[in-house]
Amino acid sequence: MQIVFILFTIFLILAVLLIWSVSTLIGLIRARGVPFVTLRKAQLKGIAKHIKLMESDRLVDLGCGDGRVLRLFASQGVKVLHGYEVNFWACLQARVFNLVRGVKTKIFFKNFNKADLKEYNIIFCYLLEGSLKRLREKFDKELKPGTKVISYAFEIKDWREPEIIYTDLENKKLGRIFIYTI
């Protein structure tokens, strides 16, 4: 009887790992090679220190991962907080963590390239330069004047002149926030 239980447990663990691996690979393909990388607590503190939003802001996090940035801005009182994520596990984590913590957000399991961004006045991104480059045309087409695009760590090359904030003076490359105004 114990051998059956042990074999079943091993099988169950292997099945979960296989499902997790396949869904992560599918998420990576759907995200065009952008991996799910979370922001550390120190990085979030830097963002919180330098980026202050208003309750009336309408924020979307493109590639929201486990929803950390949405929870950060919820703590500032922002009421409209949406996130897009194509990694199933990250999306599930975001939904569960936000539900458990009582944070009112909408997390869409959808590619943000297919989302309409017109309703937002704050766009947050922690994406690689290639993804940001592909977003420039979408931003120019959909975003209203006055909308702010906040890109953590990576610049949107050859686009607009950003305001640059350094949250980590020791490692300026990783502690940068680029803020673009439409």
Foldseek 3Di string as FASTA:
>chain_A
DVVVVVVVVVVVVVVVVVVLVVLQVVQCVLQVNWHQDDDDPLLLVLCLVPDQDDLDFAEEEQQCFLPPNVVSNVVSNHQHYEYEGQRVVRLVNNVVVCVVVVNDYHYHNDHCVPPQPQVGQEYEYATEQVVLQVCQVVCVPRYDFFRKYKYALDDNPPHDQWDWDASDPVDRNRRIITIDGD
